Amino acid sequence: MISIIIPTINEDEVIENTLRPLQPLRNLGAEVILVDGGSSDQTQHIAAPLVDIWIDSPAKGRALQMNLGAAQANRDILWFLHADTVIPEHAERYIINTLKNRRWGRFDLKLSGDNFLLRIVEWMINHRSCWSGVATGDQGIFLTQKLFNKLDGFPEIALMEDIALSRKLKKVAAPGCIKHPLITSSRRWEKNGIVQTILLMWWLRFSYWLGVDPEKLVKLYHT
């Protein structure tokens, strides 16, 4: 019942950890669609045997890549995962049960590192998300293909596509918030500094809310 869509670019260090736990779901009838934005590393070599559909995107950009994946999906439910995310056991049950009562949903997230500041970050993200009705891509947004198509998918912007889709979805209904967390790599937080990354993310969201062009924001995100 579920199409799992993963955008990638140069993710050979983490992609196998993401795909291995998805194999039991493939045995149950789920399909895994990987949309690559032009990797120059070993991503395809590692990932191709572990997915059902491989798509070469004409350009990089998560929104474009995920929309391409959704267009090729053959299941009723779409589940968007980042390439550095490990799912909990029985994740498919949580999704199906949630969609019996909700129009869309997302998981709580847990960052992979041990620093106590990351526990605070998790708490803030998870509680803010349920309170605001806005989810991040790290939280594994899921919904029916019918609803996704009705909303014209992800706006194809350079950054904040998850926020933009969530804003459209929350006008339809509040999200179902699954408390069993996805484990997301904390590599960016640890590389750039936890406090610095928090401040950057807040600034990016505030700037987006003020209407700053995502093309300008993405340059800050990748610095």
C-alpha atoms as a PDB file:
ATOM      1  CA  MET A   1       0.000   0.000   0.000  1.00  0.00           C
ATOM      2  CA  ILE A   2       2.973   2.354   0.443  1.00  0.00           C
ATOM      3  CA  SER A   3       5.401   3.977  -1.980  1.00  0.00           C
ATOM      4  CA  ILE A   4       8.523   5.162  -0.151  1.00  0.00           C
ATOM      5  CA  ILE A   5      10.214   8.038  -1.979  1.00  0.00           C
ATOM      6  CA  ILE A   6      13.799   9.031  -1.179  1.00  0.00           C
ATOM      7  CA  PRO A   7      15.718  11.898  -2.820  1.00  0.00           C
ATOM      8  CA  THR A   8      19.502  11.506  -2.889  1.00  0.00           C
ATOM      9  CA  ILE A   9      22.689  13.176  -3.997  1.00  0.00           C
ATOM     10  CA  ASN A  10      26.067  11.762  -2.930  1.00  0.00           C
ATOM     11  CA  GLU A  11      24.739   9.735   0.003  1.00  0.00           C
ATOM     12  CA  ASP A  12      26.941   6.637  -0.209  1.00  0.00           C
ATOM     13  CA  GLU A  13      27.963   6.932   3.451  1.00  0.00           C
ATOM     14  CA  VAL A  14      24.411   6.616   4.782  1.00  0.00           C
ATOM     15  CA  ILE A  15      22.080   5.253   2.111  1.00  0.00           C
ATOM     16  CA  GLU A  16      22.530   1.557   2.928  1.00  0.00           C
ATOM     17  CA  ASN A  17      21.594   2.183   6.582  1.00  0.00           C
ATOM     18  CA  THR A  18      18.400   3.813   5.338  1.00  0.00           C
ATOM     19  CA  LEU A  19      17.482   1.174   2.763  1.00  0.00           C
ATOM     20  CA  ARG A  20      18.218  -2.028   4.694  1.00  0.00           C
ATOM     21  CA  PRO A  21      15.331  -1.581   7.200  1.00  0.00           C
ATOM     22  CA  LEU A  22      12.974  -0.968   4.266  1.00  0.00           C
ATOM     23  CA  GLN A  23      13.500  -4.419   2.769  1.00  0.00           C
ATOM     24  CA  PRO A  24      10.897  -6.169   4.990  1.00  0.00           C
ATOM     25  CA  LEU A  25       8.364  -3.569   3.837  1.00  0.00           C
ATOM     26  CA  ARG A  26       9.171  -4.426   0.214  1.00  0.00           C
ATOM     27  CA  ASN A  27       8.401  -8.046   1.065  1.00  0.00           C
ATOM     28  CA  LEU A  28       5.005  -6.893   2.344  1.00  0.00           C
ATOM     29  CA  GLY A  29       4.228  -5.090  -0.901  1.00  0.00           C
ATOM     30  CA  ALA A  30       5.667  -1.611  -0.413  1.00  0.00           C
ATOM     31  CA  GLU A  31       7.836  -0.133  -3.146  1.00  0.00           C
ATOM     32  CA  VAL A  32      10.969   1.951  -2.682  1.00  0.00           C
ATOM     33  CA  ILE A  33      11.615   4.716  -5.194  1.00  0.00           C
ATOM     34  CA  LEU A  34      14.973   6.478  -5.148  1.00  0.00           C
ATOM     35  CA  VAL A  35      15.344   9.720  -7.101  1.00  0.00           C
ATOM     36  CA  ASP A  36      18.948  10.762  -7.569  1.00  0.00           C
ATOM     37  CA  GLY A  37      19.976  14.331  -8.254  1.00  0.00           C
ATOM     38  CA  GLY A  38      23.284  13.538  -9.964  1.00  0.00           C
ATOM     39  CA  SER A  39      25.461  11.641  -7.498  1.00  0.00           C
ATOM     40  CA  SER A  40      29.135  11.325  -8.357  1.00  0.00           C
ATOM     41  CA  ASP A  41      29.942   8.838  -5.584  1.00  0.00           C
ATOM     42  CA  GLN A  42      28.875   5.203  -5.034  1.00  0.00           C
ATOM     43  CA  THR A  43      25.221   5.937  -4.185  1.00  0.00           C
ATOM     44  CA  GLN A  44      23.806   4.139  -7.223  1.00  0.00           C
ATOM     45  CA  HIS A  45      26.114   1.135  -6.854  1.00  0.00           C
ATOM     46  CA  ILE A  46      25.031   0.669  -3.226  1.00  0.00           C
ATOM     47  CA  ALA A  47      21.362   1.560  -3.542  1.00  0.00           C
ATOM     48  CA  ALA A  48      20.192   0.134  -6.866  1.00  0.00           C
ATOM     49  CA  PRO A  49      19.819  -3.489  -5.655  1.00  0.00           C
ATOM     50  CA  LEU A  50      17.776  -2.292  -2.655  1.00  0.00           C
ATOM     51  CA  VAL A  51      15.123  -0.237  -4.454  1.00  0.00           C
ATOM     52  CA  ASP A  52      12.285  -1.002  -6.864  1.00  0.00           C
ATOM     53  CA  ILE A  53      12.569   2.102  -9.026  1.00  0.00           C
ATOM     54  CA  TRP A  54      15.656   4.230  -9.688  1.00  0.00           C
ATOM     55  CA  ILE A  55      15.071   7.652 -11.251  1.00  0.00           C
ATOM     56  CA  ASP A  56      17.763   9.990 -12.523  1.00  0.00           C
ATOM     57  CA  SER A  57      16.493  13.508 -11.936  1.00  0.00           C
ATOM     58  CA  PRO A  58      17.398  16.091 -14.601  1.00  0.00           C
ATOM     59  CA  ALA A  59      18.426  18.443 -11.787  1.00  0.00           C
ATOM     60  CA  LYS A  60      19.031  18.333  -8.061  1.00  0.00           C
ATOM     61  CA  GLY A  61      16.503  19.699  -5.600  1.00  0.00           C
ATOM     62  CA  ARG A  62      14.450  17.737  -3.111  1.00  0.00           C
ATOM     63  CA  ALA A  63      11.103  19.136  -4.227  1.00  0.00           C
ATOM     64  CA  LEU A  64      11.707  18.274  -7.882  1.00  0.00           C
ATOM     65  CA  GLN A  65      13.114  14.860  -7.010  1.00  0.00           C
ATOM     66  CA  MET A  66      10.241  13.924  -4.694  1.00  0.00           C
ATOM     67  CA  ASN A  67       7.643  15.072  -7.214  1.00  0.00           C
ATOM     68  CA  LEU A  68       9.311  12.910  -9.861  1.00  0.00           C
ATOM     69  CA  GLY A  69       9.200   9.958  -7.488  1.00  0.00           C
ATOM     70  CA  ALA A  70       5.543  10.538  -6.658  1.00  0.00           C
ATOM     71  CA  ALA A  71       4.701  10.627 -10.369  1.00  0.00           C
ATOM     72  CA  GLN A  72       6.142   7.112 -10.750  1.00  0.00           C
ATOM     73  CA  ALA A  73       4.536   5.712  -7.584  1.00  0.00           C
ATOM     74  CA  ASN A  74       2.237   2.693  -7.883  1.00  0.00           C
ATOM     75  CA  ARG A  75       0.778   2.606  -4.368  1.00  0.00           C
ATOM     76  CA  ASP A  76      -2.031   4.496  -2.645  1.00  0.00           C
ATOM     77  CA  ILE A  77       0.113   6.013   0.115  1.00  0.00           C
ATOM     78  CA  LEU A  78       3.198   8.183  -0.408  1.00  0.00           C
ATOM     79  CA  TRP A  79       5.872   8.329   2.290  1.00  0.00           C
ATOM     80  CA  PHE A  80       8.752  10.755   1.826  1.00  0.00           C
ATOM     81  CA  LEU A  81      12.012   9.904   3.595  1.00  0.00           C
ATOM     82  CA  HIS A  82      15.385  11.608   3.673  1.00  0.00           C
ATOM     83  CA  ALA A  83      18.422   9.571   2.694  1.00  0.00           C
ATOM     84  CA  ASP A  84      19.918   9.596   6.209  1.00  0.00           C
ATOM     85  CA  THR A  85      16.872   8.314   8.093  1.00  0.00           C
ATOM     86  CA  VAL A  86      16.288   4.950   9.799  1.00  0.00           C
ATOM     87  CA  ILE A  87      12.670   3.891  10.311  1.00  0.00           C
ATOM     88  CA  PRO A  88      11.234   2.282  13.466  1.00  0.00           C
ATOM     89  CA  GLU A  89       9.959  -1.280  13.480  1.00  0.00           C
ATOM     90  CA  HIS A  90       6.338  -1.603  12.298  1.00  0.00           C
ATOM     91  CA  ALA A  91       6.422   1.861  10.739  1.00  0.00           C
ATOM     92  CA  GLU A  92       3.999   0.778   8.016  1.00  0.00           C
ATOM     93  CA  ARG A  93       1.377  -0.165  10.626  1.00  0.00           C
ATOM     94  CA  TYR A  94       1.639   3.257  12.256  1.00  0.00           C
ATOM     95  CA  ILE A  95       1.150   4.959   8.891  1.00  0.00           C
ATOM     96  CA  ILE A  96      -1.843   2.868   7.845  1.00  0.00           C
ATOM     97  CA  ASN A  97      -3.531   3.186  11.248  1.00  0.00           C
ATOM     98  CA  THR A  98      -2.946   6.939  11.316  1.00  0.00           C
ATOM     99  CA  LEU A  99      -4.476   7.403   7.866  1.00  0.00           C
ATOM    100  CA  LYS A 100      -7.648   5.672   8.996  1.00  0.00           C
ATOM    101  CA  ASN A 101      -8.426   8.772  11.072  1.00  0.00           C
ATOM    102  CA  ARG A 102      -6.208  11.510   9.612  1.00  0.00           C
ATOM    103  CA  ARG A 103      -5.584  12.909   6.144  1.00  0.00           C
ATOM    104  CA  TRP A 104      -1.807  13.029   6.575  1.00  0.00           C
ATOM    105  CA  GLY A 105       0.888  12.614   9.184  1.00  0.00           C
ATOM    106  CA  ARG A 106       4.498  12.568  10.255  1.00  0.00           C
ATOM    107  CA  PHE A 107       6.760  10.843  12.789  1.00  0.00           C
ATOM    108  CA  ASP A 108       8.597  12.262  15.729  1.00  0.00           C
ATOM    109  CA  LEU A 109      12.318  12.401  15.078  1.00  0.00           C
ATOM    110  CA  LYS A 110      15.332  11.379  17.095  1.00  0.00           C
ATOM    111  CA  LEU A 111      18.796  12.649  16.204  1.00  0.00           C
ATOM    112  CA  SER A 112      21.496   9.992  16.111  1.00  0.00           C
ATOM    113  CA  GLY A 113      24.124  11.747  18.242  1.00  0.00           C
ATOM    114  CA  ASP A 114      24.591  11.517  22.020  1.00  0.00           C
ATOM    115  CA  ASN A 115      25.015  15.198  22.911  1.00  0.00           C
ATOM    116  CA  PHE A 116      22.359  16.251  25.422  1.00  0.00           C
ATOM    117  CA  LEU A 117      21.651  19.387  23.377  1.00  0.00           C
ATOM    118  CA  LEU A 118      20.323  17.145  20.620  1.00  0.00           C
ATOM    119  CA  ARG A 119      17.663  15.851  23.025  1.00  0.00           C
ATOM    120  CA  ILE A 120      16.504  19.452  23.473  1.00  0.00           C
ATOM    121  CA  VAL A 121      16.476  19.976  19.708  1.00  0.00           C
ATOM    122  CA  GLU A 122      14.347  16.843  19.238  1.00  0.00           C
ATOM    123  CA  TRP A 123      11.882  17.937  21.900  1.00  0.00           C
ATOM    124  CA  MET A 124      11.518  21.380  20.360  1.00  0.00           C
ATOM    125  CA  ILE A 125      11.047  20.071  16.817  1.00  0.00           C
ATOM    126  CA  ASN A 126       8.539  17.385  17.772  1.00  0.00           C
ATOM    127  CA  HIS A 127       6.410  19.558  20.028  1.00  0.00           C
ATOM    128  CA  ARG A 128       6.490  22.563  17.716  1.00  0.00           C
ATOM    129  CA  SER A 129       5.466  20.365  14.799  1.00  0.00           C
ATOM    130  CA  CYS A 130       2.418  18.882  16.493  1.00  0.00           C
ATOM    131  CA  TRP A 131       1.395  22.257  17.920  1.00  0.00           C
ATOM    132  CA  SER A 132       1.828  24.173  14.658  1.00  0.00           C
ATOM    133  CA  GLY A 133       0.715  21.486  12.234  1.00  0.00           C
ATOM    134  CA  VAL A 134       3.904  21.971  10.202  1.00  0.00           C
ATOM    135  CA  ALA A 135       6.287  19.071   9.611  1.00  0.00           C
ATOM    136  CA  THR A 136       9.878  18.919   8.410  1.00  0.00           C
ATOM    137  CA  GLY A 137      11.220  16.509   5.830  1.00  0.00           C
ATOM    138  CA  ASP A 138      13.220  14.752   8.537  1.00  0.00           C
ATOM    139  CA  GLN A 139       9.926  13.646  10.086  1.00  0.00           C
ATOM    140  CA  GLY A 140       8.863  11.477   7.162  1.00  0.00           C
ATOM    141  CA  ILE A 141       5.713  13.158   5.844  1.00  0.00           C
ATOM    142  CA  PHE A 142       3.102  10.698   4.529  1.00  0.00           C
ATOM    143  CA  LEU A 143      -0.282  11.082   2.841  1.00  0.00           C
ATOM    144  CA  THR A 144      -2.425   9.499   0.174  1.00  0.00           C
ATOM    145  CA  GLN A 145      -1.411   9.887  -3.429  1.00  0.00           C
ATOM    146  CA  LYS A 146      -4.875  11.284  -4.124  1.00  0.00           C
ATOM    147  CA  LEU A 147      -4.389  14.150  -1.665  1.00  0.00           C
ATOM    148  CA  PHE A 148      -0.824  14.792  -2.822  1.00  0.00           C
ATOM    149  CA  ASN A 149      -1.999  15.163  -6.420  1.00  0.00           C
ATOM    150  CA  LYS A 150      -4.931  17.345  -5.389  1.00  0.00           C
ATOM    151  CA  LEU A 151      -2.465  19.780  -3.766  1.00  0.00           C
ATOM    152  CA  ASP A 152      -0.106  19.651  -6.783  1.00  0.00           C
ATOM    153  CA  GLY A 153       2.673  18.063  -4.743  1.00  0.00           C
ATOM    154  CA  PHE A 154       5.692  19.869  -3.371  1.00  0.00           C
ATOM    155  CA  PRO A 155       6.163  23.447  -4.551  1.00  0.00           C
ATOM    156  CA  GLU A 156       9.376  23.225  -6.586  1.00  0.00           C
ATOM    157  CA  ILE A 157      11.405  25.717  -4.590  1.00  0.00           C
ATOM    158  CA  ALA A 158      15.066  25.518  -3.609  1.00  0.00           C
ATOM    159  CA  LEU A 159      14.443  25.135   0.142  1.00  0.00           C
ATOM    160  CA  MET A 160      11.547  24.864   2.605  1.00  0.00           C
ATOM    161  CA  GLU A 161       9.512  22.613   0.304  1.00  0.00           C
ATOM    162  CA  ASP A 162       8.480  20.555   3.341  1.00  0.00           C
ATOM    163  CA  ILE A 163       7.214  23.668   5.130  1.00  0.00           C
ATOM    164  CA  ALA A 164       5.371  24.796   2.005  1.00  0.00           C
ATOM    165  CA  LEU A 165       3.620  21.429   1.594  1.00  0.00           C
ATOM    166  CA  SER A 166       2.780  21.292   5.301  1.00  0.00           C
ATOM    167  CA  ARG A 167       1.127  24.697   5.080  1.00  0.00           C
ATOM    168  CA  LYS A 168      -1.112  23.402   2.315  1.00  0.00           C
ATOM    169  CA  LEU A 169      -1.843  20.204   4.212  1.00  0.00           C
ATOM    170  CA  LYS A 170      -2.725  21.910   7.492  1.00  0.00           C
ATOM    171  CA  LYS A 171      -5.480  23.801   5.645  1.00  0.00           C
ATOM    172  CA  VAL A 172      -6.976  20.382   4.911  1.00  0.00           C
ATOM    173  CA  ALA A 173      -6.451  18.824   8.348  1.00  0.00           C
ATOM    174  CA  ALA A 174      -4.121  18.664  11.326  1.00  0.00           C
ATOM    175  CA  PRO A 175      -1.388  16.026  11.020  1.00  0.00           C
ATOM    176  CA  GLY A 176      -1.322  12.703  12.769  1.00  0.00           C
ATOM    177  CA  CYS A 177       1.747  12.780  15.020  1.00  0.00           C
ATOM    178  CA  ILE A 178       3.368   9.365  15.426  1.00  0.00           C
ATOM    179  CA  LYS A 179       5.461   9.201  18.579  1.00  0.00           C
ATOM    180  CA  HIS A 180       7.620   6.262  17.484  1.00  0.00           C
ATOM    181  CA  PRO A 181      10.586   8.213  16.135  1.00  0.00           C
ATOM    182  CA  LEU A 182      12.545   8.076  12.939  1.00  0.00           C
ATOM    183  CA  ILE A 183      16.262   8.220  13.656  1.00  0.00           C
ATOM    184  CA  THR A 184      17.846  10.990  11.610  1.00  0.00           C
ATOM    185  CA  SER A 185      21.569  11.566  11.261  1.00  0.00           C
ATOM    186  CA  SER A 186      22.880  14.414  13.395  1.00  0.00           C
ATOM    187  CA  ARG A 187      25.894  14.858  11.092  1.00  0.00           C
ATOM    188  CA  ARG A 188      24.966  18.404  10.050  1.00  0.00           C
ATOM    189  CA  TRP A 189      24.350  19.499  13.647  1.00  0.00           C
ATOM    190  CA  GLU A 190      27.651  18.043  14.838  1.00  0.00           C
ATOM    191  CA  LYS A 191      29.678  19.318  11.874  1.00  0.00           C
ATOM    192  CA  ASN A 192      28.431  22.908  12.002  1.00  0.00           C
ATOM    193  CA  GLY A 193      27.793  23.169  15.746  1.00  0.00           C
ATOM    194  CA  ILE A 194      24.496  22.429  17.469  1.00  0.00           C
ATOM    195  CA  VAL A 195      23.767  25.946  18.706  1.00  0.00           C
ATOM    196  CA  GLN A 196      24.885  27.498  15.414  1.00  0.00           C
ATOM    197  CA  THR A 197      22.632  25.103  13.470  1.00  0.00           C
ATOM    198  CA  ILE A 198      19.650  25.886  15.690  1.00  0.00           C
ATOM    199  CA  LEU A 199      20.124  29.608  15.111  1.00  0.00           C
ATOM    200  CA  LEU A 200      20.562  29.091  11.368  1.00  0.00           C
ATOM    201  CA  MET A 201      17.390  27.014  11.105  1.00  0.00           C
ATOM    202  CA  TRP A 202      15.397  29.572  13.067  1.00  0.00           C
ATOM    203  CA  TRP A 203      16.721  32.367  10.858  1.00  0.00           C
ATOM    204  CA  LEU A 204      15.910  30.460   7.673  1.00  0.00           C
ATOM    205  CA  ARG A 205      12.350  29.742   8.799  1.00  0.00           C
ATOM    206  CA  PHE A 206      11.800  33.321   9.928  1.00  0.00           C
ATOM    207  CA  SER A 207      13.170  34.642   6.650  1.00  0.00           C
ATOM    208  CA  TYR A 208      10.940  32.281   4.674  1.00  0.00           C
ATOM    209  CA  TRP A 209       7.941  33.421   6.712  1.00  0.00           C
ATOM    210  CA  LEU A 210       8.844  37.020   5.812  1.00  0.00           C
ATOM    211  CA  GLY A 211       8.828  36.066   2.146  1.00  0.00           C
ATOM    212  CA  VAL A 212      12.547  35.839   1.347  1.00  0.00           C
ATOM    213  CA  ASP A 213      13.210  33.945  -1.902  1.00  0.00           C
ATOM    214  CA  PRO A 214      14.184  30.295  -1.154  1.00  0.00           C
ATOM    215  CA  GLU A 215      16.895  30.600  -3.816  1.00  0.00           C
ATOM    216  CA  LYS A 216      18.650  33.064  -1.497  1.00  0.00           C
ATOM    217  CA  LEU A 217      17.999  30.979   1.604  1.00  0.00           C
ATOM    218  CA  VAL A 218      19.466  27.802   0.130  1.00  0.00           C
ATOM    219  CA  LYS A 219      22.842  29.541  -0.218  1.00  0.00           C
ATOM    220  CA  LEU A 220      22.856  30.199   3.531  1.00  0.00           C
ATOM    221  CA  TYR A 221      21.763  26.620   4.229  1.00  0.00           C
ATOM    222  CA  HIS A 222      24.738  25.177   2.340  1.00  0.00           C
ATOM    223  CA  THR A 223      27.398  27.510   3.738  1.00  0.00           C
END
